[in-house]
Amino acid sequence: MAMRRTTIMADDALLERLRSIAHEEGVSLAEVIREGMELRAQRSRPTVTFVGIGRSGRKGHRTSERAGEMSFEPRSWR
């Protein structure tokens, strides 16, 4: 997936901590920042709460009974 360049502003202490993490893990500062943004974006997504509330109306479709088996995985933007 194509990435776009952007500019962020952060205080020196935060940037130094992020640089330290990047150095320890052997990755770029940009990678550490992207990972943090991805984690934040995932945390803010609402949980799907309507799955399994009602009947599907179709024979053989047991959505309400199988709701616990289902999981939602958002696609990564990378």
Protein backbone atom coordinates (compact mmCIF):
# COMPACT_ATOMS: atom_id res chain seq x y z
CA MET A 1 0.00 0.00 0.00
CA ALA A 2 1.27 3.46 -0.83
CA MET A 3 2.19 5.74 2.03
CA ARG A 4 1.88 9.50 2.20
CA ARG A 5 4.28 11.85 3.87
CA THR A 6 2.99 14.06 6.67
CA THR A 7 4.41 16.32 9.35
CA ILE A 8 3.80 15.93 13.07
CA MET A 9 4.79 18.08 16.02
CA ALA A 10 6.01 16.48 19.24
CA ASP A 11 8.02 17.65 22.20
CA ASP A 12 11.70 16.79 22.46
CA ALA A 13 11.27 14.35 25.34
CA LEU A 14 8.72 12.25 23.43
CA LEU A 15 10.83 12.24 20.28
CA GLU A 16 13.88 11.14 22.25
CA ARG A 17 11.91 8.26 23.81
CA LEU A 18 10.67 7.21 20.37
CA ARG A 19 14.19 7.41 18.91
CA SER A 20 15.44 5.27 21.77
CA ILE A 21 12.75 2.63 21.09
CA ALA A 22 13.61 2.67 17.39
CA HIS A 23 17.32 2.23 18.13
CA GLU A 24 16.70 -0.63 20.60
CA GLU A 25 14.43 -2.45 18.13
CA GLY A 26 16.60 -1.75 15.10
CA VAL A 27 13.84 0.01 13.16
CA SER A 28 13.31 3.53 11.89
CA LEU A 29 11.70 6.29 13.91
CA ALA A 30 8.99 6.41 11.23
CA GLU A 31 8.18 2.73 11.82
CA VAL A 32 7.78 3.30 15.57
CA ILE A 33 5.49 6.26 14.92
CA ARG A 34 3.41 4.31 12.35
CA GLU A 35 3.02 1.44 14.81
CA GLY A 36 1.82 3.84 17.50
CA MET A 37 -0.66 5.46 15.13
CA GLU A 38 -2.00 2.06 14.08
CA LEU A 39 -2.49 1.00 17.72
CA ARG A 40 -4.30 4.25 18.48
CA ALA A 41 -6.53 3.92 15.41
CA GLN A 42 -7.47 0.35 16.36
CA ARG A 43 -8.31 1.38 19.92
CA SER A 44 -10.73 4.07 18.78
CA ARG A 45 -12.77 1.78 16.50
CA PRO A 46 -16.15 0.95 18.00
CA THR A 47 -16.84 -2.67 18.87
CA VAL A 48 -19.42 -4.35 16.67
CA THR A 49 -22.30 -4.93 19.05
CA PHE A 50 -25.18 -5.69 16.71
CA VAL A 51 -23.95 -9.05 15.41
CA GLY A 52 -26.28 -11.80 16.54
CA ILE A 53 -29.08 -9.60 17.86
CA GLY A 54 -31.80 -10.90 15.60
CA ARG A 55 -32.71 -13.65 13.22
CA SER A 56 -31.37 -13.65 9.68
CA GLY A 57 -34.65 -14.90 8.26
CA ARG A 58 -32.85 -17.45 6.10
CA LYS A 59 -32.76 -21.16 6.67
CA GLY A 60 -29.34 -22.43 7.62
CA HIS A 61 -28.07 -19.00 8.67
CA ARG A 62 -27.65 -19.10 12.43
CA THR A 63 -26.00 -15.72 12.86
CA SER A 64 -27.43 -15.04 16.30
CA GLU A 65 -26.32 -18.47 17.53
CA ARG A 66 -22.83 -18.18 15.99
CA ALA A 67 -22.06 -14.59 17.05
CA GLY A 68 -19.53 -15.75 19.64
CA GLU A 69 -17.58 -17.60 16.93
CA MET A 70 -17.31 -14.53 14.71
CA SER A 71 -14.59 -11.95 14.95
CA PHE A 72 -13.97 -8.66 13.25
CA GLU A 73 -10.43 -7.90 12.08
CA PRO A 74 -9.97 -4.44 10.61
CA ARG A 75 -7.67 -4.38 7.60
CA SER A 76 -4.34 -2.70 8.20
CA TRP A 77 -3.75 0.53 6.34
CA ARG A 78 -0.24 -0.70 5.49
